[in-house]
Amino acid sequence: MMRNMPARMLQMLSLMQSRREWSGGELAERLGVTERTIRRDVARLRELGYPVQGTTGTVGGYRLESGTRVPPLLLDDDEAVAIAVALKTAAAGVNGIEETAVRALVKLEQVLPARLRAQVATVGDAIVSAQRPDGPRADPDVLGVVATACRDNDVLTFRHQRRGDGADAARRVEPYSLVMSYDRWYLLAYDLHRDDWRTFRVDRINDATLTGRRFDPRELPAESAAAYVALTIAKAPYRYTLDVVVAAPAEAVTSRLRALVTERVEPNGDGTCTVRLGADRPEILAQRLVALDADFSVEGPSDVLEYLRSVGHRLIAATRAGDQGG
């Protein structure tokens, strides 16, 4: 039995932050006290400013709701490091939070123990953010609603702008996970209207709304959410595609392109392979060709090939200028 009341209340608060809802019986069992003691501790938490709400139903229980101010949070070491590192990279793919993220990071680092500050610095320095500042970025409010729906297994409704004609359509989904890929946020969800799994770009989501209807997560037809989203992106129709014959084995090229999106990598039987690359902008294709790190030949649209030639000429000119300057 946990007799130390402050320690017990902190443990209760930690439990409430880890899951959306707890019954009084569950909390009492975890903390080794009676449900009457749980009710008294909940009242004390409310007096301290924590918005603990009672829930109705056959069992009833408690949950932490949004309040008018943010009370102190309890974080273990791993959670504190994860949040600090996330704040260091928060600008990627989210619109308008760079300055806010920096302010929050300063406050967090002020209270971190020295050993954790060093760990945050080490992990943060190892992260390279290759973001595209002019690309589409997710609205933080929408991202927050979607993340909450994923966490709480809450059916989500929203309007999603279609690619091409720009029209939007109403969607009702069981959200599974958020995935960051190529500086964009994607929602992986089970679409209840289409009775199938779908991937949605968060920067094209509007009017995201929690319905309050809970669901049991379905089994994902993939190794992971990230793997499913990567496969979906690879199969999506692109404005430009290139067929590239690479002077390297398929296994080596696959390893080099693991973090990139390709439709296929096929061995040719002579120590080379053919790679199909797709993108909506020629400069992205140029970046992926450089990542091959091998000799190659390219077939594709004439305007893309002309763009690649111009990039090559600029690079050659730049290296010649560097030689002359040395």
C-alpha atoms as a PDB file:
ATOM      1  CA  MET A   1       0.000   0.000   0.000  1.00  0.00           C
ATOM      2  CA  MET A   2       1.364   3.425  -0.956  1.00  0.00           C
ATOM      3  CA  ARG A   3       0.952   5.455   2.269  1.00  0.00           C
ATOM      4  CA  ASN A   4       2.990   8.518   1.221  1.00  0.00           C
ATOM      5  CA  MET A   5       0.265  10.814  -0.090  1.00  0.00           C
ATOM      6  CA  PRO A   6       2.442  13.164  -2.248  1.00  0.00           C
ATOM      7  CA  ALA A   7       4.197  10.199  -3.871  1.00  0.00           C
ATOM      8  CA  ARG A   8       0.842   8.470  -4.430  1.00  0.00           C
ATOM      9  CA  MET A   9      -0.670  11.551  -6.064  1.00  0.00           C
ATOM     10  CA  LEU A  10       2.348  11.927  -8.338  1.00  0.00           C
ATOM     11  CA  GLN A  11       2.045   8.288  -9.333  1.00  0.00           C
ATOM     12  CA  MET A  12      -1.682   8.736  -9.996  1.00  0.00           C
ATOM     13  CA  LEU A  13      -0.979  11.772 -12.143  1.00  0.00           C
ATOM     14  CA  SER A  14       1.646   9.841 -14.096  1.00  0.00           C
ATOM     15  CA  LEU A  15      -0.862   7.042 -14.746  1.00  0.00           C
ATOM     16  CA  MET A  16      -3.486   9.520 -15.948  1.00  0.00           C
ATOM     17  CA  GLN A  17      -1.011  11.053 -18.374  1.00  0.00           C
ATOM     18  CA  SER A  18      -0.186   7.639 -19.833  1.00  0.00           C
ATOM     19  CA  ARG A  19      -3.754   6.671 -20.764  1.00  0.00           C
ATOM     20  CA  ARG A  20      -6.894   8.598 -21.603  1.00  0.00           C
ATOM     21  CA  GLU A  21      -9.195   7.089 -18.997  1.00  0.00           C
ATOM     22  CA  TRP A  22      -8.918   5.025 -15.795  1.00  0.00           C
ATOM     23  CA  SER A  23     -11.642   3.549 -13.640  1.00  0.00           C
ATOM     24  CA  GLY A  24     -11.505   4.191  -9.916  1.00  0.00           C
ATOM     25  CA  GLY A  25     -11.006   0.474  -9.339  1.00  0.00           C
ATOM     26  CA  GLU A  26      -8.028   0.317 -11.698  1.00  0.00           C
ATOM     27  CA  LEU A  27      -6.333   3.255 -10.001  1.00  0.00           C
ATOM     28  CA  ALA A  28      -6.995   1.804  -6.561  1.00  0.00           C
ATOM     29  CA  GLU A  29      -5.496  -1.538  -7.599  1.00  0.00           C
ATOM     30  CA  ARG A  30      -2.414   0.075  -9.135  1.00  0.00           C
ATOM     31  CA  LEU A  31      -1.764   2.275  -6.107  1.00  0.00           C
ATOM     32  CA  GLY A  32      -2.767  -0.242  -3.437  1.00  0.00           C
ATOM     33  CA  VAL A  33      -5.429   1.935  -1.809  1.00  0.00           C
ATOM     34  CA  THR A  34      -9.202   2.067  -1.568  1.00  0.00           C
ATOM     35  CA  GLU A  35     -11.460   3.792  -4.088  1.00  0.00           C
ATOM     36  CA  ARG A  36     -12.395   6.231  -1.317  1.00  0.00           C
ATOM     37  CA  THR A  37      -8.728   7.270  -1.097  1.00  0.00           C
ATOM     38  CA  ILE A  38      -8.658   7.658  -4.876  1.00  0.00           C
ATOM     39  CA  ARG A  39     -11.622  10.038  -4.706  1.00  0.00           C
ATOM     40  CA  ARG A  40      -9.866  12.157  -2.038  1.00  0.00           C
ATOM     41  CA  ASP A  41      -6.637  12.262  -4.068  1.00  0.00           C
ATOM     42  CA  VAL A  42      -8.556  13.293  -7.187  1.00  0.00           C
ATOM     43  CA  ALA A  43     -10.101  16.171  -5.237  1.00  0.00           C
ATOM     44  CA  ARG A  44      -6.619  17.292  -4.148  1.00  0.00           C
ATOM     45  CA  LEU A  45      -5.333  17.170  -7.725  1.00  0.00           C
ATOM     46  CA  ARG A  46      -8.235  19.373  -8.800  1.00  0.00           C
ATOM     47  CA  GLU A  47      -7.363  21.873  -6.070  1.00  0.00           C
ATOM     48  CA  LEU A  48      -3.816  21.997  -7.488  1.00  0.00           C
ATOM     49  CA  GLY A  49      -5.142  22.916 -10.924  1.00  0.00           C
ATOM     50  CA  TYR A  50      -5.152  19.555 -12.671  1.00  0.00           C
ATOM     51  CA  PRO A  51      -8.390  19.225 -14.715  1.00  0.00           C
ATOM     52  CA  VAL A  52      -9.374  15.702 -13.639  1.00  0.00           C
ATOM     53  CA  GLN A  53     -12.855  14.928 -14.914  1.00  0.00           C
ATOM     54  CA  GLY A  54     -15.157  12.177 -13.766  1.00  0.00           C
ATOM     55  CA  THR A  55     -16.607   9.978 -16.512  1.00  0.00           C
ATOM     56  CA  THR A  56     -19.965   8.247 -16.628  1.00  0.00           C
ATOM     57  CA  GLY A  57     -20.874   4.770 -17.763  1.00  0.00           C
ATOM     58  CA  THR A  58     -21.269   1.299 -16.345  1.00  0.00           C
ATOM     59  CA  VAL A  59     -18.024   1.607 -14.423  1.00  0.00           C
ATOM     60  CA  GLY A  60     -17.152   5.298 -14.423  1.00  0.00           C
ATOM     61  CA  GLY A  61     -13.702   6.673 -13.975  1.00  0.00           C
ATOM     62  CA  TYR A  62     -11.343   9.602 -14.361  1.00  0.00           C
ATOM     63  CA  ARG A  63      -9.467  11.357 -17.145  1.00  0.00           C
ATOM     64  CA  LEU A  64      -7.282  14.417 -17.577  1.00  0.00           C
ATOM     65  CA  GLU A  65      -9.061  16.998 -19.718  1.00  0.00           C
ATOM     66  CA  SER A  66      -7.834  20.230 -21.269  1.00  0.00           C
ATOM     67  CA  GLY A  67      -7.770  23.063 -18.744  1.00  0.00           C
ATOM     68  CA  THR A  68      -7.570  26.849 -18.839  1.00  0.00           C
ATOM     69  CA  ARG A  69      -3.850  26.646 -18.058  1.00  0.00           C
ATOM     70  CA  VAL A  70      -1.115  24.039 -18.316  1.00  0.00           C
ATOM     71  CA  PRO A  71      -0.295  22.385 -14.984  1.00  0.00           C
ATOM     72  CA  PRO A  72       3.105  20.791 -14.331  1.00  0.00           C
ATOM     73  CA  LEU A  73       3.781  17.581 -16.264  1.00  0.00           C
ATOM     74  CA  LEU A  74       5.566  14.500 -14.956  1.00  0.00           C
ATOM     75  CA  LEU A  75       8.165  13.116 -17.342  1.00  0.00           C
ATOM     76  CA  ASP A  76      10.581  10.251 -16.887  1.00  0.00           C
ATOM     77  CA  ASP A  77      14.120  10.548 -18.269  1.00  0.00           C
ATOM     78  CA  ASP A  78      13.355   8.962 -21.640  1.00  0.00           C
ATOM     79  CA  GLU A  79      10.267  11.129 -22.139  1.00  0.00           C
ATOM     80  CA  ALA A  80      12.155  14.317 -21.276  1.00  0.00           C
ATOM     81  CA  VAL A  81      14.932  13.502 -23.760  1.00  0.00           C
ATOM     82  CA  ALA A  82      12.408  12.581 -26.459  1.00  0.00           C
ATOM     83  CA  ILE A  83      10.526  15.866 -26.044  1.00  0.00           C
ATOM     84  CA  ALA A  84      13.699  17.951 -26.054  1.00  0.00           C
ATOM     85  CA  VAL A  85      15.004  16.280 -29.213  1.00  0.00           C
ATOM     86  CA  ALA A  86      11.590  16.663 -30.853  1.00  0.00           C
ATOM     87  CA  LEU A  87      11.609  20.386 -30.061  1.00  0.00           C
ATOM     88  CA  LYS A  88      15.043  20.704 -31.671  1.00  0.00           C
ATOM     89  CA  THR A  89      13.608  19.355 -34.924  1.00  0.00           C
ATOM     90  CA  ALA A  90      10.071  20.714 -34.579  1.00  0.00           C
ATOM     91  CA  ALA A  91      10.356  23.104 -37.514  1.00  0.00           C
ATOM     92  CA  ALA A  92      10.362  20.262 -40.026  1.00  0.00           C
ATOM     93  CA  GLY A  93       7.005  19.979 -41.749  1.00  0.00           C
ATOM     94  CA  VAL A  94       5.009  22.101 -39.268  1.00  0.00           C
ATOM     95  CA  ASN A  95       4.040  25.656 -40.071  1.00  0.00           C
ATOM     96  CA  GLY A  96       4.738  28.557 -37.716  1.00  0.00           C
ATOM     97  CA  ILE A  97       6.131  26.859 -34.602  1.00  0.00           C
ATOM     98  CA  GLU A  98       9.879  27.476 -34.923  1.00  0.00           C
ATOM     99  CA  GLU A  99      10.063  30.332 -32.378  1.00  0.00           C
ATOM    100  CA  THR A 100       7.591  28.630 -30.022  1.00  0.00           C
ATOM    101  CA  ALA A 101       9.617  25.416 -30.128  1.00  0.00           C
ATOM    102  CA  VAL A 102      12.797  27.299 -29.215  1.00  0.00           C
ATOM    103  CA  ARG A 103      11.115  28.995 -26.226  1.00  0.00           C
ATOM    104  CA  ALA A 104       9.764  25.665 -24.985  1.00  0.00           C
ATOM    105  CA  LEU A 105      13.159  24.028 -25.418  1.00  0.00           C
ATOM    106  CA  VAL A 106      14.874  26.737 -23.356  1.00  0.00           C
ATOM    107  CA  LYS A 107      12.383  26.214 -20.507  1.00  0.00           C
ATOM    108  CA  LEU A 108      12.815  22.447 -20.602  1.00  0.00           C
ATOM    109  CA  GLU A 109      16.614  22.511 -20.709  1.00  0.00           C
ATOM    110  CA  GLN A 110      16.672  24.840 -17.684  1.00  0.00           C
ATOM    111  CA  VAL A 111      15.218  22.074 -15.484  1.00  0.00           C
ATOM    112  CA  LEU A 112      16.908  19.048 -17.071  1.00  0.00           C
ATOM    113  CA  PRO A 113      19.632  17.337 -15.011  1.00  0.00           C
ATOM    114  CA  ALA A 114      23.119  17.760 -16.461  1.00  0.00           C
ATOM    115  CA  ARG A 115      23.285  14.127 -17.584  1.00  0.00           C
ATOM    116  CA  LEU A 116      20.092  14.565 -19.640  1.00  0.00           C
ATOM    117  CA  ARG A 117      21.205  17.895 -21.139  1.00  0.00           C
ATOM    118  CA  ALA A 118      24.320  16.162 -22.432  1.00  0.00           C
ATOM    119  CA  GLN A 119      22.237  13.330 -23.870  1.00  0.00           C
ATOM    120  CA  VAL A 120      19.887  15.773 -25.604  1.00  0.00           C
ATOM    121  CA  ALA A 121      22.846  17.635 -27.112  1.00  0.00           C
ATOM    122  CA  THR A 122      24.398  14.408 -28.384  1.00  0.00           C
ATOM    123  CA  VAL A 123      21.212  13.143 -30.014  1.00  0.00           C
ATOM    124  CA  GLY A 124      20.266  16.561 -31.373  1.00  0.00           C
ATOM    125  CA  ASP A 125      23.667  17.094 -32.984  1.00  0.00           C
ATOM    126  CA  ALA A 126      23.344  13.749 -34.768  1.00  0.00           C
ATOM    127  CA  ILE A 127      20.101  14.793 -36.449  1.00  0.00           C
ATOM    128  CA  VAL A 128      20.328  16.436 -39.850  1.00  0.00           C
ATOM    129  CA  SER A 129      17.132  18.175 -40.934  1.00  0.00           C
ATOM    130  CA  ALA A 130      16.981  18.233 -44.711  1.00  0.00           C
ATOM    131  CA  GLN A 131      13.812  20.250 -44.950  1.00  0.00           C
ATOM    132  CA  ARG A 132      12.401  22.150 -47.878  1.00  0.00           C
ATOM    133  CA  PRO A 133      11.430  25.609 -46.557  1.00  0.00           C
ATOM    134  CA  ASP A 134       9.153  26.398 -49.476  1.00  0.00           C
ATOM    135  CA  GLY A 135       7.271  23.087 -49.343  1.00  0.00           C
ATOM    136  CA  PRO A 136       3.777  22.477 -47.941  1.00  0.00           C
ATOM    137  CA  ARG A 137       3.680  22.360 -44.167  1.00  0.00           C
ATOM    138  CA  ALA A 138       1.081  21.013 -41.769  1.00  0.00           C
ATOM    139  CA  ASP A 139      -1.055  23.261 -39.602  1.00  0.00           C
ATOM    140  CA  PRO A 140      -0.082  22.600 -35.941  1.00  0.00           C
ATOM    141  CA  ASP A 141      -3.723  22.735 -34.811  1.00  0.00           C
ATOM    142  CA  VAL A 142      -4.736  20.088 -37.339  1.00  0.00           C
ATOM    143  CA  LEU A 143      -1.684  18.017 -36.464  1.00  0.00           C
ATOM    144  CA  GLY A 144      -2.633  18.176 -32.788  1.00  0.00           C
ATOM    145  CA  VAL A 145      -6.199  17.001 -33.416  1.00  0.00           C
ATOM    146  CA  VAL A 146      -5.011  14.149 -35.621  1.00  0.00           C
ATOM    147  CA  ALA A 147      -2.378  13.077 -33.085  1.00  0.00           C
ATOM    148  CA  THR A 148      -4.990  13.051 -30.318  1.00  0.00           C
ATOM    149  CA  ALA A 149      -7.284  10.897 -32.447  1.00  0.00           C
ATOM    150  CA  CYS A 150      -4.454   8.409 -33.055  1.00  0.00           C
ATOM    151  CA  ARG A 151      -3.591   8.262 -29.369  1.00  0.00           C
ATOM    152  CA  ASP A 152      -7.155   7.811 -28.130  1.00  0.00           C
ATOM    153  CA  ASN A 153      -8.475   5.547 -30.917  1.00  0.00           C
ATOM    154  CA  ASP A 154     -11.096   8.206 -31.668  1.00  0.00           C
ATOM    155  CA  VAL A 155     -12.927   8.159 -35.003  1.00  0.00           C
ATOM    156  CA  LEU A 156     -11.886  11.271 -36.922  1.00  0.00           C
ATOM    157  CA  THR A 157     -13.734  13.274 -39.556  1.00  0.00           C
ATOM    158  CA  PHE A 158     -12.158  15.827 -41.882  1.00  0.00           C
ATOM    159  CA  ARG A 159     -12.081  17.195 -45.396  1.00  0.00           C
ATOM    160  CA  HIS A 160      -9.146  16.157 -47.558  1.00  0.00           C
ATOM    161  CA  GLN A 161      -8.013  18.113 -50.604  1.00  0.00           C
ATOM    162  CA  ARG A 162      -7.521  15.865 -53.593  1.00  0.00           C
ATOM    163  CA  ARG A 163      -4.412  15.999 -55.687  1.00  0.00           C
ATOM    164  CA  GLY A 164      -4.842  17.451 -59.153  1.00  0.00           C
ATOM    165  CA  ASP A 165      -8.191  19.239 -59.230  1.00  0.00           C
ATOM    166  CA  GLY A 166      -7.856  20.626 -55.704  1.00  0.00           C
ATOM    167  CA  ALA A 167     -11.395  19.607 -54.724  1.00  0.00           C
ATOM    168  CA  ASP A 168     -11.887  18.287 -51.211  1.00  0.00           C
ATOM    169  CA  ALA A 169     -13.939  15.342 -49.987  1.00  0.00           C
ATOM    170  CA  ALA A 170     -15.372  14.426 -46.591  1.00  0.00           C
ATOM    171  CA  ARG A 171     -13.644  11.520 -44.859  1.00  0.00           C
ATOM    172  CA  ARG A 172     -14.493   9.479 -41.781  1.00  0.00           C
ATOM    173  CA  VAL A 173     -11.612   7.316 -40.597  1.00  0.00           C
ATOM    174  CA  GLU A 174     -10.166   5.226 -37.805  1.00  0.00           C
ATOM    175  CA  PRO A 175      -6.742   6.912 -37.397  1.00  0.00           C
ATOM    176  CA  TYR A 176      -3.810   4.571 -36.851  1.00  0.00           C
ATOM    177  CA  SER A 177      -0.601   6.607 -36.881  1.00  0.00           C
ATOM    178  CA  LEU A 178       1.147   9.786 -38.001  1.00  0.00           C
ATOM    179  CA  VAL A 179       4.278   9.309 -40.105  1.00  0.00           C
ATOM    180  CA  MET A 180       6.843  11.928 -41.156  1.00  0.00           C
ATOM    181  CA  SER A 181       8.334  11.317 -44.608  1.00  0.00           C
ATOM    182  CA  TYR A 182      10.158  13.793 -46.859  1.00  0.00           C
ATOM    183  CA  ASP A 183       9.348  16.708 -44.529  1.00  0.00           C
ATOM    184  CA  ARG A 184       5.650  15.962 -44.791  1.00  0.00           C
ATOM    185  CA  TRP A 185       3.258  14.525 -42.255  1.00  0.00           C
ATOM    186  CA  TYR A 186       1.039  11.653 -43.351  1.00  0.00           C
ATOM    187  CA  LEU A 187      -1.930  10.120 -41.552  1.00  0.00           C
ATOM    188  CA  LEU A 188      -2.355   6.378 -41.914  1.00  0.00           C
ATOM    189  CA  ALA A 189      -5.973   5.455 -41.236  1.00  0.00           C
ATOM    190  CA  TYR A 190      -8.730   3.003 -42.051  1.00  0.00           C
ATOM    191  CA  ASP A 191     -11.246   4.803 -44.259  1.00  0.00           C
ATOM    192  CA  LEU A 192     -14.739   3.810 -43.117  1.00  0.00           C
ATOM    193  CA  HIS A 193     -16.366   5.028 -46.343  1.00  0.00           C
ATOM    194  CA  ARG A 194     -14.055   3.042 -48.606  1.00  0.00           C
ATOM    195  CA  ASP A 195     -13.613   0.109 -46.227  1.00  0.00           C
ATOM    196  CA  ASP A 196      -9.854   0.088 -46.763  1.00  0.00           C
ATOM    197  CA  TRP A 197      -6.579   1.546 -45.501  1.00  0.00           C
ATOM    198  CA  ARG A 198      -5.640   4.989 -46.811  1.00  0.00           C
ATOM    199  CA  THR A 199      -2.792   7.492 -46.430  1.00  0.00           C
ATOM    200  CA  PHE A 200      -3.584  11.208 -46.194  1.00  0.00           C
ATOM    201  CA  ARG A 201      -1.234  14.179 -46.348  1.00  0.00           C
ATOM    202  CA  VAL A 202      -1.866  16.252 -43.238  1.00  0.00           C
ATOM    203  CA  ASP A 203      -1.163  19.558 -44.999  1.00  0.00           C
ATOM    204  CA  ARG A 204      -4.233  18.790 -47.167  1.00  0.00           C
ATOM    205  CA  ILE A 205      -6.525  18.069 -44.194  1.00  0.00           C
ATOM    206  CA  ASN A 206      -9.095  20.672 -43.106  1.00  0.00           C
ATOM    207  CA  ASP A 207     -11.848  20.727 -40.474  1.00  0.00           C
ATOM    208  CA  ALA A 208     -10.383  17.808 -38.500  1.00  0.00           C
ATOM    209  CA  THR A 209     -12.893  16.879 -35.794  1.00  0.00           C
ATOM    210  CA  LEU A 210     -12.892  14.288 -33.019  1.00  0.00           C
ATOM    211  CA  THR A 211     -16.188  12.397 -32.918  1.00  0.00           C
ATOM    212  CA  GLY A 212     -15.816  10.877 -29.447  1.00  0.00           C
ATOM    213  CA  ARG A 213     -16.557   7.436 -30.876  1.00  0.00           C
ATOM    214  CA  ARG A 214     -13.935   4.901 -29.758  1.00  0.00           C
ATOM    215  CA  PHE A 215     -12.799   1.914 -31.813  1.00  0.00           C
ATOM    216  CA  ASP A 216     -10.539  -1.113 -31.478  1.00  0.00           C
ATOM    217  CA  PRO A 217      -7.501  -0.709 -33.773  1.00  0.00           C
ATOM    218  CA  ARG A 218      -7.460  -3.014 -36.778  1.00  0.00           C
ATOM    219  CA  GLU A 219      -4.492  -5.147 -37.706  1.00  0.00           C
ATOM    220  CA  LEU A 220      -2.190  -3.203 -39.994  1.00  0.00           C
ATOM    221  CA  PRO A 221      -1.459  -5.007 -43.300  1.00  0.00           C
ATOM    222  CA  ALA A 222       2.239  -4.098 -43.144  1.00  0.00           C
ATOM    223  CA  GLU A 223       5.307  -4.452 -40.951  1.00  0.00           C
ATOM    224  CA  SER A 224       4.873  -0.936 -39.597  1.00  0.00           C
ATOM    225  CA  ALA A 225       3.056   2.328 -40.235  1.00  0.00           C
ATOM    226  CA  ALA A 226       6.228   3.828 -41.720  1.00  0.00           C
ATOM    227  CA  ALA A 227       6.631   0.874 -44.101  1.00  0.00           C
ATOM    228  CA  TYR A 228       3.013   1.147 -45.246  1.00  0.00           C
ATOM    229  CA  VAL A 229       3.257   4.886 -45.883  1.00  0.00           C
ATOM    230  CA  ALA A 230       6.545   4.466 -47.776  1.00  0.00           C
ATOM    231  CA  LEU A 231       4.938   1.819 -50.009  1.00  0.00           C
ATOM    232  CA  THR A 232       1.915   4.048 -50.617  1.00  0.00           C
ATOM    233  CA  ILE A 233       4.093   7.008 -51.583  1.00  0.00           C
ATOM    234  CA  ALA A 234       6.142   4.838 -53.918  1.00  0.00           C
ATOM    235  CA  LYS A 235       3.003   3.664 -55.739  1.00  0.00           C
ATOM    236  CA  ALA A 236       1.512   7.150 -56.070  1.00  0.00           C
ATOM    237  CA  PRO A 237       1.416   8.670 -59.564  1.00  0.00           C
ATOM    238  CA  TYR A 238       4.064  11.336 -60.008  1.00  0.00           C
ATOM    239  CA  ARG A 239       4.304  14.189 -62.451  1.00  0.00           C
ATOM    240  CA  TYR A 240       7.750  13.005 -63.543  1.00  0.00           C
ATOM    241  CA  THR A 241       9.330   9.550 -63.633  1.00  0.00           C
ATOM    242  CA  LEU A 242      12.798   8.435 -64.666  1.00  0.00           C
ATOM    243  CA  ASP A 243      14.097   5.004 -65.637  1.00  0.00           C
ATOM    244  CA  VAL A 244      17.708   4.841 -64.522  1.00  0.00           C
ATOM    245  CA  VAL A 245      20.226   2.127 -65.364  1.00  0.00           C
ATOM    246  CA  VAL A 246      22.768   2.120 -62.530  1.00  0.00           C
ATOM    247  CA  ALA A 247      26.222   0.591 -62.752  1.00  0.00           C
ATOM    248  CA  ALA A 248      25.897  -1.170 -59.407  1.00  0.00           C
ATOM    249  CA  PRO A 249      24.171  -4.306 -58.076  1.00  0.00           C
ATOM    250  CA  ALA A 250      20.509  -4.034 -57.098  1.00  0.00           C
ATOM    251  CA  GLU A 251      21.284  -4.912 -53.462  1.00  0.00           C
ATOM    252  CA  ALA A 252      23.767  -2.059 -53.128  1.00  0.00           C
ATOM    253  CA  VAL A 253      21.443   0.454 -54.770  1.00  0.00           C
ATOM    254  CA  THR A 254      18.499  -0.654 -52.626  1.00  0.00           C
ATOM    255  CA  SER A 255      20.607  -0.068 -49.534  1.00  0.00           C
ATOM    256  CA  ARG A 256      21.596   3.427 -50.697  1.00  0.00           C
ATOM    257  CA  LEU A 257      17.994   4.349 -51.525  1.00  0.00           C
ATOM    258  CA  ARG A 258      16.432   2.860 -48.410  1.00  0.00           C
ATOM    259  CA  ALA A 259      15.417   6.293 -47.146  1.00  0.00           C
ATOM    260  CA  LEU A 260      14.149   7.360 -50.583  1.00  0.00           C
ATOM    261  CA  VAL A 261      10.997   6.571 -52.515  1.00  0.00           C
ATOM    262  CA  THR A 262      11.299   4.352 -55.577  1.00  0.00           C
ATOM    263  CA  GLU A 263       8.770   2.387 -57.546  1.00  0.00           C
ATOM    264  CA  ARG A 264      11.195  -0.446 -58.131  1.00  0.00           C
ATOM    265  CA  VAL A 265      14.819  -1.598 -58.199  1.00  0.00           C
ATOM    266  CA  GLU A 266      15.324  -4.519 -60.587  1.00  0.00           C
ATOM    267  CA  PRO A 267      18.574  -6.422 -61.297  1.00  0.00           C
ATOM    268  CA  ASN A 268      19.621  -6.621 -64.945  1.00  0.00           C
ATOM    269  CA  GLY A 269      21.774  -9.742 -64.592  1.00  0.00           C
ATOM    270  CA  ASP A 270      25.060  -8.081 -65.572  1.00  0.00           C
ATOM    271  CA  GLY A 271      25.959  -6.390 -62.301  1.00  0.00           C
ATOM    272  CA  THR A 272      23.739  -3.398 -63.059  1.00  0.00           C
ATOM    273  CA  CYS A 273      20.155  -2.626 -62.141  1.00  0.00           C
ATOM    274  CA  THR A 274      17.262  -0.470 -63.313  1.00  0.00           C
ATOM    275  CA  VAL A 275      15.651   1.981 -60.911  1.00  0.00           C
ATOM    276  CA  ARG A 276      12.415   3.870 -61.456  1.00  0.00           C
ATOM    277  CA  LEU A 277      12.343   7.185 -59.643  1.00  0.00           C
ATOM    278  CA  GLY A 278       9.294   9.423 -59.316  1.00  0.00           C
ATOM    279  CA  ALA A 279       8.749  12.980 -58.085  1.00  0.00           C
ATOM    280  CA  ASP A 280       6.630  16.030 -58.722  1.00  0.00           C
ATOM    281  CA  ARG A 281       9.650  18.322 -59.176  1.00  0.00           C
ATOM    282  CA  PRO A 282      12.818  17.865 -61.273  1.00  0.00           C
ATOM    283  CA  GLU A 283      15.123  19.076 -58.491  1.00  0.00           C
ATOM    284  CA  ILE A 284      14.012  16.184 -56.280  1.00  0.00           C
ATOM    285  CA  LEU A 285      14.919  13.739 -59.042  1.00  0.00           C
ATOM    286  CA  ALA A 286      18.330  15.378 -59.325  1.00  0.00           C
ATOM    287  CA  GLN A 287      18.914  14.876 -55.596  1.00  0.00           C
ATOM    288  CA  ARG A 288      17.979  11.206 -55.812  1.00  0.00           C
ATOM    289  CA  LEU A 289      20.256  10.620 -58.784  1.00  0.00           C
ATOM    290  CA  VAL A 290      23.171  12.010 -56.782  1.00  0.00           C
ATOM    291  CA  ALA A 291      22.247   9.643 -53.936  1.00  0.00           C
ATOM    292  CA  LEU A 292      22.845   6.666 -56.251  1.00  0.00           C
ATOM    293  CA  ASP A 293      26.600   7.237 -55.821  1.00  0.00           C
ATOM    294  CA  ALA A 294      27.383   5.305 -59.043  1.00  0.00           C
ATOM    295  CA  ASP A 295      27.522   5.823 -62.787  1.00  0.00           C
ATOM    296  CA  PHE A 296      24.121   5.757 -64.467  1.00  0.00           C
ATOM    297  CA  SER A 297      22.179   6.521 -67.638  1.00  0.00           C
ATOM    298  CA  VAL A 298      18.733   8.101 -67.642  1.00  0.00           C
ATOM    299  CA  GLU A 299      15.586   7.960 -69.741  1.00  0.00           C
ATOM    300  CA  GLY A 300      12.661  10.287 -69.087  1.00  0.00           C
ATOM    301  CA  PRO A 301      10.717  13.382 -70.186  1.00  0.00           C
ATOM    302  CA  SER A 302      12.720  15.785 -72.323  1.00  0.00           C
ATOM    303  CA  ASP A 303      12.121  18.770 -70.019  1.00  0.00           C
ATOM    304  CA  VAL A 304      13.446  16.829 -67.020  1.00  0.00           C
ATOM    305  CA  LEU A 305      16.500  15.678 -68.964  1.00  0.00           C
ATOM    306  CA  GLU A 306      17.184  19.266 -69.991  1.00  0.00           C
ATOM    307  CA  TYR A 307      16.937  20.355 -66.371  1.00  0.00           C
ATOM    308  CA  LEU A 308      19.394  17.631 -65.326  1.00  0.00           C
ATOM    309  CA  ARG A 309      21.840  18.769 -68.036  1.00  0.00           C
ATOM    310  CA  SER A 310      21.652  22.337 -66.787  1.00  0.00           C
ATOM    311  CA  VAL A 311      22.347  21.186 -63.226  1.00  0.00           C
ATOM    312  CA  GLY A 312      25.318  19.182 -64.464  1.00  0.00           C
ATOM    313  CA  HIS A 313      26.727  22.167 -66.351  1.00  0.00           C
ATOM    314  CA  ARG A 314      26.424  24.376 -63.263  1.00  0.00           C
ATOM    315  CA  LEU A 315      28.180  21.806 -61.096  1.00  0.00           C
ATOM    316  CA  ILE A 316      31.007  21.408 -63.603  1.00  0.00           C
ATOM    317  CA  ALA A 317      31.410  25.173 -63.885  1.00  0.00           C
ATOM    318  CA  ALA A 318      31.493  25.512 -60.116  1.00  0.00           C
ATOM    319  CA  THR A 319      34.201  22.865 -59.708  1.00  0.00           C
ATOM    320  CA  ARG A 320      36.310  24.437 -62.465  1.00  0.00           C
ATOM    321  CA  ALA A 321      36.042  27.823 -60.770  1.00  0.00           C
ATOM    322  CA  GLY A 322      37.176  26.204 -57.541  1.00  0.00           C
ATOM    323  CA  ASP A 323      40.221  24.656 -59.249  1.00  0.00           C
ATOM    324  CA  GLN A 324      41.212  27.977 -60.751  1.00  0.00           C
ATOM    325  CA  GLY A 325      40.794  29.745 -57.450  1.00  0.00           C
ATOM    326  CA  GLY A 326      43.053  27.199 -55.716  1.00  0.00           C
END
